[in-house]
Amino acid sequence: IPAAADPEQLSTAVAASSPVFDDSPETHQTMTAIAEPEQIFVPQPIEAEPSGSAMIVFENVKKVYEPGVTALSGVSFIIEKGEFVFVVGASGSGKSTVIRLILKELEPTEGRIVVGGRDLGRLKRSKVPLLRRNVGCVFQDFKLLPNRTAAENVAYALKVQGEGRSSIRRKVPEVLNLVGLSHKTNSLPDELSGGEQQRVSIARAFVNHPP
């Protein structure tokens, strides 16, 4: 359609280019269609809501170390009961910071963290040991007591939970056998290989949280 100088010319141009479906000579109506600008839908981010079975919740967590080193910024995620989640990343990307925040070894600079239904920001310092007894953690350096045998390291984890002697005597051999260390019961940590020390650490975490 050629450009029209005024509305009347535009109407005439449209009429001339439009097919006529009415044969009546008295009818001279012009149908003009005005195209609406296409609307582009931009989806808005949906923030996940933790369910009743959520075990770990991070909400816009930020952690800044002195002097102004940002380890985490705006981190949000939910881990439901029974989920397996793997956090991968380069050295210095904040993986260890996430674990230390869950154990309340560190406090977030901003944001909210919930573990097992407990808001860690409101958790009293006196309740932190109870929190950690409910979180099984295998550390990179294993954190074994150097002057205690493999069996005694596992037994200690049960003792601090208030387990009785008979229960400890029964559970320790079972769990050491489970991780393939029944023959290393009386070995000290420096008599164990790195892999064996790791398995003692796993056994210690296991007695707190059997599947």
C-alpha atoms as a PDB file:
ATOM      1  CA  ILE A   1       0.000   0.000   0.000  1.00  0.00           C
ATOM      2  CA  PRO A   2       1.550   3.341  -1.006  1.00  0.00           C
ATOM      3  CA  ALA A   3       2.112   5.869   1.728  1.00  0.00           C
ATOM      4  CA  ALA A   4      -0.908   8.129   2.198  1.00  0.00           C
ATOM      5  CA  ALA A   5      -0.658  11.832   2.993  1.00  0.00           C
ATOM      6  CA  ASP A   6      -3.812  11.956   5.123  1.00  0.00           C
ATOM      7  CA  PRO A   7      -6.300   9.565   6.805  1.00  0.00           C
ATOM      8  CA  GLU A   8      -8.780   9.847   3.914  1.00  0.00           C
ATOM      9  CA  GLN A   9      -6.194   8.752   1.360  1.00  0.00           C
ATOM     10  CA  LEU A  10      -5.136   5.910   3.673  1.00  0.00           C
ATOM     11  CA  SER A  11      -8.729   4.716   3.935  1.00  0.00           C
ATOM     12  CA  THR A  12      -9.112   4.859   0.122  1.00  0.00           C
ATOM     13  CA  ALA A  13      -5.886   2.960  -0.399  1.00  0.00           C
ATOM     14  CA  VAL A  14      -6.936   0.214   1.993  1.00  0.00           C
ATOM     15  CA  ALA A  15     -10.365  -0.033   0.370  1.00  0.00           C
ATOM     16  CA  ALA A  16      -8.834  -0.346  -3.066  1.00  0.00           C
ATOM     17  CA  SER A  17      -6.604  -3.195  -2.002  1.00  0.00           C
ATOM     18  CA  SER A  18      -9.254  -5.117  -0.034  1.00  0.00           C
ATOM     19  CA  PRO A  19     -11.550  -7.714  -1.659  1.00  0.00           C
ATOM     20  CA  VAL A  20     -15.276  -6.857  -1.619  1.00  0.00           C
ATOM     21  CA  PHE A  21     -17.589  -9.640  -0.455  1.00  0.00           C
ATOM     22  CA  ASP A  22     -20.897  -7.677  -0.523  1.00  0.00           C
ATOM     23  CA  ASP A  23     -22.567  -7.318  -3.953  1.00  0.00           C
ATOM     24  CA  SER A  24     -25.017  -4.669  -2.722  1.00  0.00           C
ATOM     25  CA  PRO A  25     -24.422  -1.359  -4.623  1.00  0.00           C
ATOM     26  CA  GLU A  26     -25.658   0.657  -1.608  1.00  0.00           C
ATOM     27  CA  THR A  27     -22.997  -0.780   0.709  1.00  0.00           C
ATOM     28  CA  HIS A  28     -19.698   1.074   0.652  1.00  0.00           C
ATOM     29  CA  GLN A  29     -18.050   0.036   3.916  1.00  0.00           C
ATOM     30  CA  THR A  30     -14.329  -0.126   4.363  1.00  0.00           C
ATOM     31  CA  MET A  31     -12.920  -2.776   6.713  1.00  0.00           C
ATOM     32  CA  THR A  32      -9.645  -1.611   8.199  1.00  0.00           C
ATOM     33  CA  ALA A  33      -7.600  -4.036  10.298  1.00  0.00           C
ATOM     34  CA  ILE A  34      -5.142  -2.522  12.744  1.00  0.00           C
ATOM     35  CA  ALA A  35      -2.427  -4.905  13.805  1.00  0.00           C
ATOM     36  CA  GLU A  36      -1.687  -4.866  17.508  1.00  0.00           C
ATOM     37  CA  PRO A  37       2.017  -4.850  18.420  1.00  0.00           C
ATOM     38  CA  GLU A  38       3.172  -8.351  19.300  1.00  0.00           C
ATOM     39  CA  GLN A  39       3.469  -8.846  23.035  1.00  0.00           C
ATOM     40  CA  ILE A  40       6.585 -10.641  24.176  1.00  0.00           C
ATOM     41  CA  PHE A  41       6.130 -12.804  27.264  1.00  0.00           C
ATOM     42  CA  VAL A  42       9.096 -12.723  29.576  1.00  0.00           C
ATOM     43  CA  PRO A  43       8.846 -15.462  32.228  1.00  0.00           C
ATOM     44  CA  GLN A  44       9.494 -14.248  35.739  1.00  0.00           C
ATOM     45  CA  PRO A  45      11.754 -16.315  37.992  1.00  0.00           C
ATOM     46  CA  ILE A  46       9.797 -18.543  40.326  1.00  0.00           C
ATOM     47  CA  GLU A  47      11.232 -18.910  43.783  1.00  0.00           C
ATOM     48  CA  ALA A  48      10.942 -22.439  45.057  1.00  0.00           C
ATOM     49  CA  GLU A  49       9.067 -22.919  48.288  1.00  0.00           C
ATOM     50  CA  PRO A  50      10.483 -25.468  50.713  1.00  0.00           C
ATOM     51  CA  SER A  51       8.170 -28.387  51.347  1.00  0.00           C
ATOM     52  CA  GLY A  52       7.601 -30.034  54.685  1.00  0.00           C
ATOM     53  CA  SER A  53      10.280 -32.599  53.829  1.00  0.00           C
ATOM     54  CA  ALA A  54      12.980 -30.037  53.008  1.00  0.00           C
ATOM     55  CA  MET A  55      16.179 -30.928  54.861  1.00  0.00           C
ATOM     56  CA  ILE A  56      18.432 -28.012  53.857  1.00  0.00           C
ATOM     57  CA  VAL A  57      17.319 -24.592  52.650  1.00  0.00           C
ATOM     58  CA  PHE A  58      19.538 -21.700  51.572  1.00  0.00           C
ATOM     59  CA  GLU A  59      17.780 -18.392  50.889  1.00  0.00           C
ATOM     60  CA  ASN A  60      19.856 -15.644  49.240  1.00  0.00           C
ATOM     61  CA  VAL A  61      22.907 -16.587  51.274  1.00  0.00           C
ATOM     62  CA  LYS A  62      25.976 -14.389  51.041  1.00  0.00           C
ATOM     63  CA  LYS A  63      29.309 -14.952  52.789  1.00  0.00           C
ATOM     64  CA  VAL A  64      32.099 -12.403  52.745  1.00  0.00           C
ATOM     65  CA  TYR A  65      35.452 -13.102  54.365  1.00  0.00           C
ATOM     66  CA  GLU A  66      37.759 -10.354  55.545  1.00  0.00           C
ATOM     67  CA  PRO A  67      39.104  -8.296  53.893  1.00  0.00           C
ATOM     68  CA  GLY A  68      36.146  -8.185  51.506  1.00  0.00           C
ATOM     69  CA  VAL A  69      36.552 -11.565  49.789  1.00  0.00           C
ATOM     70  CA  THR A  70      33.148 -12.834  48.607  1.00  0.00           C
ATOM     71  CA  ALA A  71      32.865 -16.620  48.768  1.00  0.00           C
ATOM     72  CA  LEU A  72      29.092 -16.873  48.168  1.00  0.00           C
ATOM     73  CA  SER A  73      26.627 -14.352  46.790  1.00  0.00           C
ATOM     74  CA  GLY A  74      22.858 -14.776  46.423  1.00  0.00           C
ATOM     75  CA  VAL A  75      22.946 -18.568  46.826  1.00  0.00           C
ATOM     76  CA  SER A  76      19.510 -20.214  47.054  1.00  0.00           C
ATOM     77  CA  PHE A  77      18.665 -23.909  46.882  1.00  0.00           C
ATOM     78  CA  ILE A  78      16.511 -26.570  48.541  1.00  0.00           C
ATOM     79  CA  ILE A  79      17.517 -30.147  49.287  1.00  0.00           C
ATOM     80  CA  GLU A  80      14.561 -32.401  49.979  1.00  0.00           C
ATOM     81  CA  LYS A  81      14.582 -35.484  52.168  1.00  0.00           C
ATOM     82  CA  GLY A  82      16.132 -38.449  50.339  1.00  0.00           C
ATOM     83  CA  GLU A  83      17.804 -36.360  47.629  1.00  0.00           C
ATOM     84  CA  PHE A  84      21.438 -36.850  46.603  1.00  0.00           C
ATOM     85  CA  VAL A  85      23.072 -33.549  45.707  1.00  0.00           C
ATOM     86  CA  PHE A  86      26.623 -33.034  44.482  1.00  0.00           C
ATOM     87  CA  VAL A  87      28.310 -29.634  44.691  1.00  0.00           C
ATOM     88  CA  VAL A  88      31.175 -29.380  42.220  1.00  0.00           C
ATOM     89  CA  GLY A  89      33.439 -26.510  41.341  1.00  0.00           C
ATOM     90  CA  ALA A  90      36.971 -25.228  41.165  1.00  0.00           C
ATOM     91  CA  SER A  91      39.092 -24.662  44.233  1.00  0.00           C
ATOM     92  CA  GLY A  92      37.944 -21.491  45.962  1.00  0.00           C
ATOM     93  CA  SER A  93      34.434 -21.561  44.478  1.00  0.00           C
ATOM     94  CA  GLY A  94      32.756 -21.838  47.895  1.00  0.00           C
ATOM     95  CA  LYS A  95      32.093 -25.578  48.341  1.00  0.00           C
ATOM     96  CA  SER A  96      33.710 -25.823  51.770  1.00  0.00           C
ATOM     97  CA  THR A  97      32.000 -22.595  52.806  1.00  0.00           C
ATOM     98  CA  VAL A  98      28.606 -24.192  52.120  1.00  0.00           C
ATOM     99  CA  ILE A  99      29.468 -27.177  54.362  1.00  0.00           C
ATOM    100  CA  ARG A 100      30.810 -24.970  57.147  1.00  0.00           C
ATOM    101  CA  LEU A 101      27.650 -22.866  57.029  1.00  0.00           C
ATOM    102  CA  ILE A 102      25.496 -25.999  57.325  1.00  0.00           C
ATOM    103  CA  LEU A 103      27.524 -27.075  60.381  1.00  0.00           C
ATOM    104  CA  LYS A 104      27.280 -23.532  61.764  1.00  0.00           C
ATOM    105  CA  GLU A 105      31.043 -23.210  61.897  1.00  0.00           C
ATOM    106  CA  LEU A 106      30.487 -19.951  60.029  1.00  0.00           C
ATOM    107  CA  GLU A 107      27.737 -17.340  60.079  1.00  0.00           C
ATOM    108  CA  PRO A 108      26.368 -16.003  56.773  1.00  0.00           C
ATOM    109  CA  THR A 109      26.889 -12.326  56.008  1.00  0.00           C
ATOM    110  CA  GLU A 110      23.359 -12.215  54.593  1.00  0.00           C
ATOM    111  CA  GLY A 111      20.502 -14.640  53.998  1.00  0.00           C
ATOM    112  CA  ARG A 112      18.818 -17.502  55.805  1.00  0.00           C
ATOM    113  CA  ILE A 113      19.813 -21.146  56.317  1.00  0.00           C
ATOM    114  CA  VAL A 114      17.504 -23.899  57.580  1.00  0.00           C
ATOM    115  CA  VAL A 115      18.789 -27.382  58.435  1.00  0.00           C
ATOM    116  CA  GLY A 116      16.381 -30.094  59.534  1.00  0.00           C
ATOM    117  CA  GLY A 117      13.692 -27.519  60.219  1.00  0.00           C
ATOM    118  CA  ARG A 118      16.013 -25.393  62.379  1.00  0.00           C
ATOM    119  CA  ASP A 119      16.642 -21.793  61.386  1.00  0.00           C
ATOM    120  CA  LEU A 120      20.380 -21.536  62.057  1.00  0.00           C
ATOM    121  CA  GLY A 121      20.171 -17.790  62.474  1.00  0.00           C
ATOM    122  CA  ARG A 122      17.988 -18.306  65.538  1.00  0.00           C
ATOM    123  CA  LEU A 123      19.793 -21.350  66.886  1.00  0.00           C
ATOM    124  CA  LYS A 124      21.435 -20.739  70.257  1.00  0.00           C
ATOM    125  CA  ARG A 125      25.139 -21.434  70.563  1.00  0.00           C
ATOM    126  CA  SER A 126      24.390 -24.034  73.241  1.00  0.00           C
ATOM    127  CA  LYS A 127      22.314 -26.005  70.696  1.00  0.00           C
ATOM    128  CA  VAL A 128      25.049 -26.187  68.038  1.00  0.00           C
ATOM    129  CA  PRO A 129      26.514 -29.495  69.349  1.00  0.00           C
ATOM    130  CA  LEU A 130      23.055 -31.056  69.070  1.00  0.00           C
ATOM    131  CA  LEU A 131      22.779 -29.814  65.475  1.00  0.00           C
ATOM    132  CA  ARG A 132      26.140 -31.347  64.578  1.00  0.00           C
ATOM    133  CA  ARG A 133      25.191 -34.692  66.088  1.00  0.00           C
ATOM    134  CA  ASN A 134      22.401 -34.808  63.529  1.00  0.00           C
ATOM    135  CA  VAL A 135      24.615 -33.987  60.545  1.00  0.00           C
ATOM    136  CA  GLY A 136      26.980 -36.737  59.410  1.00  0.00           C
ATOM    137  CA  CYS A 137      30.127 -35.225  57.961  1.00  0.00           C
ATOM    138  CA  VAL A 138      33.271 -36.901  56.608  1.00  0.00           C
ATOM    139  CA  PHE A 139      36.077 -34.339  56.657  1.00  0.00           C
ATOM    140  CA  GLN A 140      38.970 -34.164  54.234  1.00  0.00           C
ATOM    141  CA  ASP A 141      41.479 -34.524  57.063  1.00  0.00           C
ATOM    142  CA  PHE A 142      39.268 -37.192  58.768  1.00  0.00           C
ATOM    143  CA  LYS A 143      39.684 -35.583  62.244  1.00  0.00           C
ATOM    144  CA  LEU A 144      40.473 -38.876  63.988  1.00  0.00           C
ATOM    145  CA  LEU A 145      41.736 -38.871  67.551  1.00  0.00           C
ATOM    146  CA  PRO A 146      45.433 -39.777  67.083  1.00  0.00           C
ATOM    147  CA  ASN A 147      45.858 -41.610  70.399  1.00  0.00           C
ATOM    148  CA  ARG A 148      42.798 -43.843  69.976  1.00  0.00           C
ATOM    149  CA  THR A 149      42.350 -46.969  67.897  1.00  0.00           C
ATOM    150  CA  ALA A 150      39.930 -47.292  65.007  1.00  0.00           C
ATOM    151  CA  ALA A 151      37.406 -48.969  67.302  1.00  0.00           C
ATOM    152  CA  GLU A 152      37.837 -46.301  69.983  1.00  0.00           C
ATOM    153  CA  ASN A 153      37.342 -43.504  67.452  1.00  0.00           C
ATOM    154  CA  VAL A 154      34.023 -45.025  66.393  1.00  0.00           C
ATOM    155  CA  ALA A 155      33.056 -45.781  70.009  1.00  0.00           C
ATOM    156  CA  TYR A 156      33.698 -42.159  70.985  1.00  0.00           C
ATOM    157  CA  ALA A 157      31.110 -40.938  68.472  1.00  0.00           C
ATOM    158  CA  LEU A 158      28.562 -43.228  70.145  1.00  0.00           C
ATOM    159  CA  LYS A 159      29.601 -42.292  73.657  1.00  0.00           C
ATOM    160  CA  VAL A 160      29.041 -38.556  73.169  1.00  0.00           C
ATOM    161  CA  GLN A 161      25.494 -39.382  72.067  1.00  0.00           C
ATOM    162  CA  GLY A 162      24.832 -41.164  75.342  1.00  0.00           C
ATOM    163  CA  GLU A 163      24.891 -44.733  74.036  1.00  0.00           C
ATOM    164  CA  GLY A 164      25.321 -47.421  76.687  1.00  0.00           C
ATOM    165  CA  ARG A 165      28.371 -49.689  76.912  1.00  0.00           C
ATOM    166  CA  SER A 166      26.530 -52.768  75.696  1.00  0.00           C
ATOM    167  CA  SER A 167      25.206 -50.891  72.672  1.00  0.00           C
ATOM    168  CA  ILE A 168      28.692 -49.547  71.879  1.00  0.00           C
ATOM    169  CA  ARG A 169      30.275 -52.986  72.130  1.00  0.00           C
ATOM    170  CA  ARG A 170      27.678 -54.334  69.706  1.00  0.00           C
ATOM    171  CA  LYS A 171      27.655 -51.497  67.165  1.00  0.00           C
ATOM    172  CA  VAL A 172      31.388 -50.813  66.803  1.00  0.00           C
ATOM    173  CA  PRO A 173      32.356 -54.230  65.343  1.00  0.00           C
ATOM    174  CA  GLU A 174      29.304 -54.179  63.085  1.00  0.00           C
ATOM    175  CA  VAL A 175      30.100 -50.831  61.516  1.00  0.00           C
ATOM    176  CA  LEU A 176      33.838 -51.513  61.173  1.00  0.00           C
ATOM    177  CA  ASN A 177      33.011 -54.749  59.397  1.00  0.00           C
ATOM    178  CA  LEU A 178      30.612 -52.832  57.163  1.00  0.00           C
ATOM    179  CA  VAL A 179      33.434 -50.569  55.935  1.00  0.00           C
ATOM    180  CA  GLY A 180      35.891 -53.476  55.643  1.00  0.00           C
ATOM    181  CA  LEU A 181      38.051 -52.668  58.664  1.00  0.00           C
ATOM    182  CA  SER A 182      37.270 -55.514  61.031  1.00  0.00           C
ATOM    183  CA  HIS A 183      40.960 -56.498  60.868  1.00  0.00           C
ATOM    184  CA  LYS A 184      42.065 -52.964  61.853  1.00  0.00           C
ATOM    185  CA  THR A 185      40.054 -52.662  65.053  1.00  0.00           C
ATOM    186  CA  ASN A 186      43.083 -52.062  67.298  1.00  0.00           C
ATOM    187  CA  SER A 187      45.126 -49.974  64.863  1.00  0.00           C
ATOM    188  CA  LEU A 188      45.961 -46.348  65.617  1.00  0.00           C
ATOM    189  CA  PRO A 189      45.353 -43.710  62.894  1.00  0.00           C
ATOM    190  CA  ASP A 190      49.056 -43.451  62.005  1.00  0.00           C
ATOM    191  CA  GLU A 191      49.057 -47.206  61.402  1.00  0.00           C
ATOM    192  CA  LEU A 192      46.299 -46.858  58.810  1.00  0.00           C
ATOM    193  CA  SER A 193      46.551 -45.780  55.196  1.00  0.00           C
ATOM    194  CA  GLY A 194      44.782 -42.644  54.017  1.00  0.00           C
ATOM    195  CA  GLY A 195      41.936 -44.710  52.573  1.00  0.00           C
ATOM    196  CA  GLU A 196      41.555 -46.664  55.806  1.00  0.00           C
ATOM    197  CA  GLN A 197      41.471 -43.464  57.853  1.00  0.00           C
ATOM    198  CA  GLN A 198      38.752 -42.209  55.562  1.00  0.00           C
ATOM    199  CA  ARG A 199      36.740 -45.383  56.154  1.00  0.00           C
ATOM    200  CA  VAL A 200      37.043 -44.959  59.926  1.00  0.00           C
ATOM    201  CA  SER A 201      35.708 -41.438  59.499  1.00  0.00           C
ATOM    202  CA  ILE A 202      32.835 -42.791  57.395  1.00  0.00           C
ATOM    203  CA  ALA A 203      32.117 -45.433  60.041  1.00  0.00           C
ATOM    204  CA  ARG A 204      32.002 -42.744  62.704  1.00  0.00           C
ATOM    205  CA  ALA A 205      29.513 -40.727  60.679  1.00  0.00           C
ATOM    206  CA  PHE A 206      27.523 -43.871  59.913  1.00  0.00           C
ATOM    207  CA  VAL A 207      26.886 -44.777  63.565  1.00  0.00           C
ATOM    208  CA  ASN A 208      25.195 -41.405  63.970  1.00  0.00           C
ATOM    209  CA  HIS A 209      22.964 -41.798  60.909  1.00  0.00           C
ATOM    210  CA  PRO A 210      22.395 -45.416  59.826  1.00  0.00           C
ATOM    211  CA  PRO A 211      20.235 -45.651  56.665  1.00  0.00           C
END
